[in-house]
Amino acid sequence: MVICSAQSHRQVQAVMRHVENRLKNLKTLPQSIEGTEAAVWILMDYGDIMVHIFTNDIREYYGLDSVWGDAPSQVFENEPSTMAAGRTMG
């Protein structure tokens, strides 16, 4: 599972497009993508991998990170290629 956030709706959509394009280049297509219009929480379902992209306030409100609190994690902050802080959980 990947959980990441961005500062605005446009950034959330940009992160989604970036993930989608990178995985498409690897010949990996999503089973579904939800939440693209509101762009406060986009869920990208790649089968074995789920990608959650939130606005910062929605990520904090729902606290999905705490649900997976005991899972191994890797924190990435201010990655120049993603514009988002993220957490990848295995």
PDB file of N, CA and C in Angstrom:
ATOM      1  N   MET A   1       0.838  -1.163   0.000  1.00  0.00           N
ATOM      2  CA  MET A   1       0.000   0.000   0.000  1.00  0.00           C
ATOM      3  C   MET A   1       0.886   1.230   0.000  1.00  0.00           C
ATOM      4  N   VAL A   2       0.472   2.227  -0.753  1.00  0.00           N
ATOM      5  CA  VAL A   2       1.166   3.501  -0.781  1.00  0.00           C
ATOM      6  C   VAL A   2       0.181   4.558  -0.323  1.00  0.00           C
ATOM      7  N   ILE A   3       0.594   5.371   0.629  1.00  0.00           N
ATOM      8  CA  ILE A   3      -0.211   6.495   1.101  1.00  0.00           C
ATOM      9  C   ILE A   3       0.624   7.745   0.901  1.00  0.00           C
ATOM     10  N   CYS A   4       0.064   8.728   0.191  1.00  0.00           N
ATOM     11  CA  CYS A   4       0.791   9.977   0.008  1.00  0.00           C
ATOM     12  C   CYS A   4      -0.189  11.139   0.007  1.00  0.00           C
ATOM     13  N   SER A   5       0.340  12.331   0.133  1.00  0.00           N
ATOM     14  CA  SER A   5      -0.526  13.508   0.173  1.00  0.00           C
ATOM     15  C   SER A   5       0.114  14.655  -0.588  1.00  0.00           C
ATOM     16  N   ALA A   6      -0.733  15.610  -0.914  1.00  0.00           N
ATOM     17  CA  ALA A   6      -0.311  16.801  -1.644  1.00  0.00           C
ATOM     18  C   ALA A   6      -1.069  17.995  -1.078  1.00  0.00           C
ATOM     19  N   GLN A   7      -0.619  19.191  -1.426  1.00  0.00           N
ATOM     20  CA  GLN A   7      -1.169  20.395  -0.818  1.00  0.00           C
ATOM     21  C   GLN A   7      -2.457  20.899  -1.460  1.00  0.00           C
ATOM     22  N   SER A   8      -2.771  20.450  -2.680  1.00  0.00           N
ATOM     23  CA  SER A   8      -3.960  20.966  -3.359  1.00  0.00           C
ATOM     24  C   SER A   8      -4.590  19.879  -4.224  1.00  0.00           C
ATOM     25  N   HIS A   9      -5.803  20.149  -4.686  1.00  0.00           N
ATOM     26  CA  HIS A   9      -6.512  19.217  -5.564  1.00  0.00           C
ATOM     27  C   HIS A   9      -5.706  18.982  -6.847  1.00  0.00           C
ATOM     28  N   ARG A  10      -5.155  20.046  -7.391  1.00  0.00           N
ATOM     29  CA  ARG A  10      -4.363  19.910  -8.618  1.00  0.00           C
ATOM     30  C   ARG A  10      -3.128  19.053  -8.403  1.00  0.00           C
ATOM     31  N   GLN A  11      -2.489  19.210  -7.260  1.00  0.00           N
ATOM     32  CA  GLN A  11      -1.320  18.384  -6.975  1.00  0.00           C
ATOM     33  C   GLN A  11      -1.711  16.924  -6.786  1.00  0.00           C
ATOM     34  N   VAL A  12      -2.852  16.680  -6.147  1.00  0.00           N
ATOM     35  CA  VAL A  12      -3.339  15.308  -5.995  1.00  0.00           C
ATOM     36  C   VAL A  12      -3.529  14.680  -7.373  1.00  0.00           C
ATOM     37  N   GLN A  13      -4.149  15.412  -8.285  1.00  0.00           N
ATOM     38  CA  GLN A  13      -4.358  14.903  -9.641  1.00  0.00           C
ATOM     39  C   GLN A  13      -3.022  14.710 -10.368  1.00  0.00           C
ATOM     40  N   ALA A  14      -2.079  15.608 -10.145  1.00  0.00           N
ATOM     41  CA  ALA A  14      -0.766  15.486 -10.784  1.00  0.00           C
ATOM     42  C   ALA A  14      -0.027  14.245 -10.279  1.00  0.00           C
ATOM     43  N   VAL A  15      -0.110  13.979  -8.991  1.00  0.00           N
ATOM     44  CA  VAL A  15       0.520  12.780  -8.436  1.00  0.00           C
ATOM     45  C   VAL A  15      -0.125  11.538  -9.049  1.00  0.00           C
ATOM     46  N   MET A  16      -1.458  11.541  -9.160  1.00  0.00           N
ATOM     47  CA  MET A  16      -2.157  10.412  -9.757  1.00  0.00           C
ATOM     48  C   MET A  16      -1.685  10.174 -11.195  1.00  0.00           C
ATOM     49  N   ARG A  17      -1.602  11.238 -11.981  1.00  0.00           N
ATOM     50  CA  ARG A  17      -1.150  11.098 -13.370  1.00  0.00           C
ATOM     51  C   ARG A  17       0.283  10.580 -13.439  1.00  0.00           C
ATOM     52  N   HIS A  18       1.114  11.063 -12.533  1.00  0.00           N
ATOM     53  CA  HIS A  18       2.509  10.619 -12.501  1.00  0.00           C
ATOM     54  C   HIS A  18       2.591   9.114 -12.195  1.00  0.00           C
ATOM     55  N   VAL A  19       1.878   8.668 -11.181  1.00  0.00           N
ATOM     56  CA  VAL A  19       1.871   7.244 -10.828  1.00  0.00           C
ATOM     57  C   VAL A  19       1.333   6.427 -11.998  1.00  0.00           C
ATOM     58  N   GLU A  20       0.218   6.884 -12.553  1.00  0.00           N
ATOM     59  CA  GLU A  20      -0.401   6.161 -13.665  1.00  0.00           C
ATOM     60  C   GLU A  20       0.548   6.045 -14.860  1.00  0.00           C
ATOM     61  N   ASN A  21       1.214   7.136 -15.210  1.00  0.00           N
ATOM     62  CA  ASN A  21       2.138   7.119 -16.348  1.00  0.00           C
ATOM     63  C   ASN A  21       3.356   6.241 -16.091  1.00  0.00           C
ATOM     64  N   ARG A  22       3.912   6.341 -14.894  1.00  0.00           N
ATOM     65  CA  ARG A  22       5.091   5.516 -14.572  1.00  0.00           C
ATOM     66  C   ARG A  22       4.755   4.034 -14.628  1.00  0.00           C
ATOM     67  N   LEU A  23       3.595   3.662 -14.074  1.00  0.00           N
ATOM     68  CA  LEU A  23       3.232   2.245 -14.080  1.00  0.00           C
ATOM     69  C   LEU A  23       2.804   1.781 -15.469  1.00  0.00           C
ATOM     70  N   LYS A  24       2.191   2.672 -16.242  1.00  0.00           N
ATOM     71  CA  LYS A  24       1.833   2.331 -17.617  1.00  0.00           C
ATOM     72  C   LYS A  24       3.088   2.029 -18.426  1.00  0.00           C
ATOM     73  N   ASN A  25       4.157   2.780 -18.194  1.00  0.00           N
ATOM     74  CA  ASN A  25       5.433   2.523 -18.867  1.00  0.00           C
ATOM     75  C   ASN A  25       5.989   1.149 -18.507  1.00  0.00           C
ATOM     76  N   LEU A  26       5.596   0.644 -17.346  1.00  0.00           N
ATOM     77  CA  LEU A  26       6.009  -0.696 -16.912  1.00  0.00           C
ATOM     78  C   LEU A  26       4.978  -1.756 -17.304  1.00  0.00           C
ATOM     79  N   LYS A  27       4.025  -1.357 -18.155  1.00  0.00           N
ATOM     80  CA  LYS A  27       2.972  -2.252 -18.648  1.00  0.00           C
ATOM     81  C   LYS A  27       2.039  -2.706 -17.527  1.00  0.00           C
ATOM     82  N   THR A  28       1.841  -1.839 -16.534  1.00  0.00           N
ATOM     83  CA  THR A  28       0.945  -2.124 -15.417  1.00  0.00           C
ATOM     84  C   THR A  28      -0.204  -1.137 -15.446  1.00  0.00           C
ATOM     85  N   LEU A  29      -1.418  -1.672 -15.571  1.00  0.00           N
ATOM     86  CA  LEU A  29      -2.608  -0.830 -15.651  1.00  0.00           C
ATOM     87  C   LEU A  29      -3.449  -1.002 -14.390  1.00  0.00           C
ATOM     88  N   PRO A  30      -4.132   0.047 -13.958  1.00  0.00           N
ATOM     89  CA  PRO A  30      -4.971  -0.061 -12.771  1.00  0.00           C
ATOM     90  C   PRO A  30      -6.232  -0.868 -13.040  1.00  0.00           C
ATOM     91  N   GLN A  31      -6.696  -1.569 -12.017  1.00  0.00           N
ATOM     92  CA  GLN A  31      -7.992  -2.231 -12.113  1.00  0.00           C
ATOM     93  C   GLN A  31      -9.104  -1.201 -12.004  1.00  0.00           C
ATOM     94  N   SER A  32      -8.871  -0.170 -11.179  1.00  0.00           N
ATOM     95  CA  SER A  32      -9.814   0.943 -11.070  1.00  0.00           C
ATOM     96  C   SER A  32      -9.120   2.137 -10.437  1.00  0.00           C
ATOM     97  N   ILE A  33      -9.688   3.307 -10.711  1.00  0.00           N
ATOM     98  CA  ILE A  33      -9.243   4.553 -10.090  1.00  0.00           C
ATOM     99  C   ILE A  33     -10.509   5.292  -9.667  1.00  0.00           C
ATOM    100  N   GLU A  34     -10.559   5.704  -8.414  1.00  0.00           N
ATOM    101  CA  GLU A  34     -11.736   6.381  -7.884  1.00  0.00           C
ATOM    102  C   GLU A  34     -11.355   7.719  -7.268  1.00  0.00           C
ATOM    103  N   GLY A  35     -12.269   8.673  -7.317  1.00  0.00           N
ATOM    104  CA  GLY A  35     -12.098   9.948  -6.641  1.00  0.00           C
ATOM    105  C   GLY A  35     -11.422  11.029  -7.456  1.00  0.00           C
ATOM    106  N   THR A  36     -11.306  10.844  -8.757  1.00  0.00           N
ATOM    107  CA  THR A  36     -10.552  11.795  -9.571  1.00  0.00           C
ATOM    108  C   THR A  36     -11.235  13.155  -9.696  1.00  0.00           C
ATOM    109  N   GLU A  37     -12.555  13.188  -9.681  1.00  0.00           N
ATOM    110  CA  GLU A  37     -13.241  14.479  -9.857  1.00  0.00           C
ATOM    111  C   GLU A  37     -13.081  15.380  -8.637  1.00  0.00           C
ATOM    112  N   ALA A  38     -13.341  14.855  -7.455  1.00  0.00           N
ATOM    113  CA  ALA A  38     -13.213  15.667  -6.238  1.00  0.00           C
ATOM    114  C   ALA A  38     -11.747  15.910  -5.903  1.00  0.00           C
ATOM    115  N   ALA A  39     -10.914  14.923  -6.178  1.00  0.00           N
ATOM    116  CA  ALA A  39      -9.460  15.006  -5.981  1.00  0.00           C
ATOM    117  C   ALA A  39      -9.065  15.405  -4.560  1.00  0.00           C
ATOM    118  N   VAL A  40      -9.804  14.885  -3.577  1.00  0.00           N
ATOM    119  CA  VAL A  40      -9.374  15.044  -2.191  1.00  0.00           C
ATOM    120  C   VAL A  40      -8.821  13.721  -1.657  1.00  0.00           C
ATOM    121  N   TRP A  41      -9.274  12.611  -2.255  1.00  0.00           N
ATOM    122  CA  TRP A  41      -8.766  11.290  -1.939  1.00  0.00           C
ATOM    123  C   TRP A  41      -8.935  10.441  -3.187  1.00  0.00           C
ATOM    124  N   ILE A  42      -7.848  10.161  -3.846  1.00  0.00           N
ATOM    125  CA  ILE A  42      -7.884   9.308  -5.030  1.00  0.00           C
ATOM    126  C   ILE A  42      -7.349   7.946  -4.635  1.00  0.00           C
ATOM    127  N   LEU A  43      -8.084   6.913  -5.007  1.00  0.00           N
ATOM    128  CA  LEU A  43      -7.686   5.537  -4.749  1.00  0.00           C
ATOM    129  C   LEU A  43      -7.378   4.875  -6.084  1.00  0.00           C
ATOM    130  N   MET A  44      -6.169   4.368  -6.202  1.00  0.00           N
ATOM    131  CA  MET A  44      -5.734   3.667  -7.411  1.00  0.00           C
ATOM    132  C   MET A  44      -5.523   2.204  -7.028  1.00  0.00           C
ATOM    133  N   ASP A  45      -6.300   1.312  -7.645  1.00  0.00           N
ATOM    134  CA  ASP A  45      -6.250  -0.114  -7.333  1.00  0.00           C
ATOM    135  C   ASP A  45      -5.466  -0.834  -8.420  1.00  0.00           C
ATOM    136  N   TYR A  46      -4.292  -1.332  -8.049  1.00  0.00           N
ATOM    137  CA  TYR A  46      -3.457  -2.101  -8.965  1.00  0.00           C
ATOM    138  C   TYR A  46      -3.403  -3.566  -8.545  1.00  0.00           C
ATOM    139  N   GLY A  47      -4.454  -4.046  -7.914  1.00  0.00           N
ATOM    140  CA  GLY A  47      -4.493  -5.441  -7.477  1.00  0.00           C
ATOM    141  C   GLY A  47      -3.720  -5.622  -6.189  1.00  0.00           C
ATOM    142  N   ASP A  48      -2.469  -6.011  -6.298  1.00  0.00           N
ATOM    143  CA  ASP A  48      -1.631  -6.222  -5.111  1.00  0.00           C
ATOM    144  C   ASP A  48      -1.179  -4.921  -4.467  1.00  0.00           C
ATOM    145  N   ILE A  49      -1.293  -3.827  -5.182  1.00  0.00           N
ATOM    146  CA  ILE A  49      -0.859  -2.523  -4.669  1.00  0.00           C
ATOM    147  C   ILE A  49      -2.024  -1.543  -4.730  1.00  0.00           C
ATOM    148  N   MET A  50      -2.286  -0.881  -3.616  1.00  0.00           N
ATOM    149  CA  MET A  50      -3.290   0.177  -3.545  1.00  0.00           C
ATOM    150  C   MET A  50      -2.548   1.487  -3.312  1.00  0.00           C
ATOM    151  N   VAL A  51      -2.898   2.511  -4.078  1.00  0.00           N
ATOM    152  CA  VAL A  51      -2.270   3.820  -3.934  1.00  0.00           C
ATOM    153  C   VAL A  51      -3.351   4.795  -3.470  1.00  0.00           C
ATOM    154  N   HIS A  52      -3.143   5.413  -2.321  1.00  0.00           N
ATOM    155  CA  HIS A  52      -4.052   6.417  -1.768  1.00  0.00           C
ATOM    156  C   HIS A  52      -3.352   7.766  -1.872  1.00  0.00           C
ATOM    157  N   ILE A  53      -3.997   8.717  -2.536  1.00  0.00           N
ATOM    158  CA  ILE A  53      -3.436  10.061  -2.674  1.00  0.00           C
ATOM    159  C   ILE A  53      -4.443  11.032  -2.071  1.00  0.00           C
ATOM    160  N   PHE A  54      -4.040  11.724  -1.029  1.00  0.00           N
ATOM    161  CA  PHE A  54      -4.918  12.620  -0.276  1.00  0.00           C
ATOM    162  C   PHE A  54      -4.477  14.074  -0.389  1.00  0.00           C
ATOM    163  N   THR A  55      -5.407  14.998  -0.147  1.00  0.00           N
ATOM    164  CA  THR A  55      -4.986  16.334   0.240  1.00  0.00           C
ATOM    165  C   THR A  55      -4.537  16.204   1.696  1.00  0.00           C
ATOM    166  N   ASN A  56      -3.682  17.100   2.144  1.00  0.00           N
ATOM    167  CA  ASN A  56      -3.137  16.993   3.504  1.00  0.00           C
ATOM    168  C   ASN A  56      -4.220  16.925   4.571  1.00  0.00           C
ATOM    169  N   ASP A  57      -5.243  17.776   4.482  1.00  0.00           N
ATOM    170  CA  ASP A  57      -6.278  17.806   5.518  1.00  0.00           C
ATOM    171  C   ASP A  57      -7.121  16.532   5.533  1.00  0.00           C
ATOM    172  N   ILE A  58      -7.416  15.976   4.376  1.00  0.00           N
ATOM    173  CA  ILE A  58      -8.209  14.744   4.315  1.00  0.00           C
ATOM    174  C   ILE A  58      -7.390  13.564   4.835  1.00  0.00           C
ATOM    175  N   ARG A  59      -6.110  13.542   4.533  1.00  0.00           N
ATOM    176  CA  ARG A  59      -5.244  12.474   5.063  1.00  0.00           C
ATOM    177  C   ARG A  59      -5.230  12.506   6.580  1.00  0.00           C
ATOM    178  N   GLU A  60      -5.102  13.686   7.128  1.00  0.00           N
ATOM    179  CA  GLU A  60      -5.091  13.823   8.588  1.00  0.00           C
ATOM    180  C   GLU A  60      -6.445  13.442   9.183  1.00  0.00           C
ATOM    181  N   TYR A  61      -7.535  13.865   8.564  1.00  0.00           N
ATOM    182  CA  TYR A  61      -8.886  13.609   9.071  1.00  0.00           C
ATOM    183  C   TYR A  61      -9.172  12.103   9.156  1.00  0.00           C
ATOM    184  N   TYR A  62      -8.877  11.363   8.091  1.00  0.00           N
ATOM    185  CA  TYR A  62      -9.209   9.942   8.071  1.00  0.00           C
ATOM    186  C   TYR A  62      -8.182   9.075   8.794  1.00  0.00           C
ATOM    187  N   GLY A  63      -6.957   9.534   8.933  1.00  0.00           N
ATOM    188  CA  GLY A  63      -5.956   8.822   9.723  1.00  0.00           C
ATOM    189  C   GLY A  63      -5.658   7.408   9.243  1.00  0.00           C
ATOM    190  N   LEU A  64      -5.678   7.198   7.945  1.00  0.00           N
ATOM    191  CA  LEU A  64      -5.415   5.867   7.400  1.00  0.00           C
ATOM    192  C   LEU A  64      -4.040   5.350   7.802  1.00  0.00           C
ATOM    193  N   ASP A  65      -3.094   6.244   7.995  1.00  0.00           N
ATOM    194  CA  ASP A  65      -1.747   5.837   8.424  1.00  0.00           C
ATOM    195  C   ASP A  65      -1.795   5.042   9.723  1.00  0.00           C
ATOM    196  N   SER A  66      -2.682   5.444  10.654  1.00  0.00           N
ATOM    197  CA  SER A  66      -2.737   4.777  11.949  1.00  0.00           C
ATOM    198  C   SER A  66      -3.308   3.366  11.845  1.00  0.00           C
ATOM    199  N   VAL A  67      -4.133   3.104  10.841  1.00  0.00           N
ATOM    200  CA  VAL A  67      -4.677   1.764  10.641  1.00  0.00           C
ATOM    201  C   VAL A  67      -3.556   0.781  10.319  1.00  0.00           C
ATOM    202  N   TRP A  68      -2.549   1.278   9.601  1.00  0.00           N
ATOM    203  CA  TRP A  68      -1.416   0.451   9.199  1.00  0.00           C
ATOM    204  C   TRP A  68      -0.188   0.765  10.048  1.00  0.00           C
ATOM    205  N   GLY A  69      -0.391   1.290  11.239  1.00  0.00           N
ATOM    206  CA  GLY A  69       0.702   1.740  12.086  1.00  0.00           C
ATOM    207  C   GLY A  69       1.736   0.685  12.427  1.00  0.00           C
ATOM    208  N   ASP A  70       1.343  -0.598  12.476  1.00  0.00           N
ATOM    209  CA  ASP A  70       2.302  -1.642  12.822  1.00  0.00           C
ATOM    210  C   ASP A  70       2.976  -2.252  11.593  1.00  0.00           C
ATOM    211  N   ALA A  71       2.616  -1.793  10.402  1.00  0.00           N
ATOM    212  CA  ALA A  71       3.228  -2.297   9.163  1.00  0.00           C
ATOM    213  C   ALA A  71       4.576  -1.616   8.944  1.00  0.00           C
ATOM    214  N   PRO A  72       5.530  -2.330   8.332  1.00  0.00           N
ATOM    215  CA  PRO A  72       6.803  -1.683   7.990  1.00  0.00           C
ATOM    216  C   PRO A  72       6.542  -0.506   7.057  1.00  0.00           C
ATOM    217  N   SER A  73       7.274   0.560   7.226  1.00  0.00           N
ATOM    218  CA  SER A  73       7.022   1.735   6.384  1.00  0.00           C
ATOM    219  C   SER A  73       8.323   2.385   5.946  1.00  0.00           C
ATOM    220  N   GLN A  74       8.199   3.146   4.891  1.00  0.00           N
ATOM    221  CA  GLN A  74       9.299   3.953   4.379  1.00  0.00           C
ATOM    222  C   GLN A  74       8.715   5.341   4.139  1.00  0.00           C
ATOM    223  N   VAL A  75       9.246   6.351   4.765  1.00  0.00           N
ATOM    224  CA  VAL A  75       8.728   7.705   4.632  1.00  0.00           C
ATOM    225  C   VAL A  75       9.585   8.474   3.635  1.00  0.00           C
ATOM    226  N   PHE A  76       8.921   9.123   2.673  1.00  0.00           N
ATOM    227  CA  PHE A  76       9.581   9.964   1.683  1.00  0.00           C
ATOM    228  C   PHE A  76       9.008  11.355   1.832  1.00  0.00           C
ATOM    229  N   GLU A  77       9.842  12.341   2.001  1.00  0.00           N
ATOM    230  CA  GLU A  77       9.355  13.704   2.114  1.00  0.00           C
ATOM    231  C   GLU A  77      10.021  14.579   1.079  1.00  0.00           C
ATOM    232  N   ASN A  78       9.203  15.438   0.451  1.00  0.00           N
ATOM    233  CA  ASN A  78       9.683  16.416  -0.515  1.00  0.00           C
ATOM    234  C   ASN A  78      10.499  15.798  -1.634  1.00  0.00           C
ATOM    235  N   GLU A  79      10.038  14.669  -2.128  1.00  0.00           N
ATOM    236  CA  GLU A  79      10.681  14.046  -3.277  1.00  0.00           C
ATOM    237  C   GLU A  79      10.456  14.945  -4.483  1.00  0.00           C
ATOM    238  N   PRO A  80      11.494  15.375  -5.171  1.00  0.00           N
ATOM    239  CA  PRO A  80      11.320  16.306  -6.282  1.00  0.00           C
ATOM    240  C   PRO A  80      10.479  15.751  -7.424  1.00  0.00           C
ATOM    241  N   SER A  81      10.454  14.438  -7.612  1.00  0.00           N
ATOM    242  CA  SER A  81       9.712  13.882  -8.736  1.00  0.00           C
ATOM    243  C   SER A  81       8.247  13.644  -8.434  1.00  0.00           C
ATOM    244  N   THR A  82       7.809  13.765  -7.168  1.00  0.00           N
ATOM    245  CA  THR A  82       6.415  13.441  -6.854  1.00  0.00           C
ATOM    246  C   THR A  82       5.603  14.590  -6.286  1.00  0.00           C
ATOM    247  N   MET A  83       6.247  15.609  -5.743  1.00  0.00           N
ATOM    248  CA  MET A  83       5.567  16.736  -5.119  1.00  0.00           C
ATOM    249  C   MET A  83       4.759  16.332  -3.897  1.00  0.00           C
ATOM    250  N   ALA A  84       4.995  15.175  -3.312  1.00  0.00           N
ATOM    251  CA  ALA A  84       4.164  14.740  -2.202  1.00  0.00           C
ATOM    252  C   ALA A  84       4.985  14.011  -1.143  1.00  0.00           C
ATOM    253  N   ALA A  85       4.501  14.069   0.079  1.00  0.00           N
ATOM    254  CA  ALA A  85       5.081  13.251   1.125  1.00  0.00           C
ATOM    255  C   ALA A  85       4.315  11.948   1.126  1.00  0.00           C
ATOM    256  N   GLY A  86       5.021  10.853   1.209  1.00  0.00           N
ATOM    257  CA  GLY A  86       4.339   9.582   1.087  1.00  0.00           C
ATOM    258  C   GLY A  86       4.827   8.567   2.083  1.00  0.00           C
ATOM    259  N   ARG A  87       4.070   7.499   2.185  1.00  0.00           N
ATOM    260  CA  ARG A  87       4.399   6.397   3.072  1.00  0.00           C
ATOM    261  C   ARG A  87       4.063   5.132   2.307  1.00  0.00           C
ATOM    262  N   THR A  88       5.018   4.247   2.168  1.00  0.00           N
ATOM    263  CA  THR A  88       4.814   2.991   1.462  1.00  0.00           C
ATOM    264  C   THR A  88       4.804   1.883   2.497  1.00  0.00           C
ATOM    265  N   MET A  89       3.777   1.055   2.450  1.00  0.00           N
ATOM    266  CA  MET A  89       3.647  -0.006   3.429  1.00  0.00           C
ATOM    267  C   MET A  89       3.572  -1.348   2.738  1.00  0.00           C
ATOM    268  N   GLY A  90       4.325  -2.307   3.255  1.00  0.00           N
ATOM    269  CA  GLY A  90       4.369  -3.624   2.642  1.00  0.00           C
ATOM    270  C   GLY A  90       3.461  -4.616   3.247  1.00  0.00           C
TER     271      GLY A  90
END
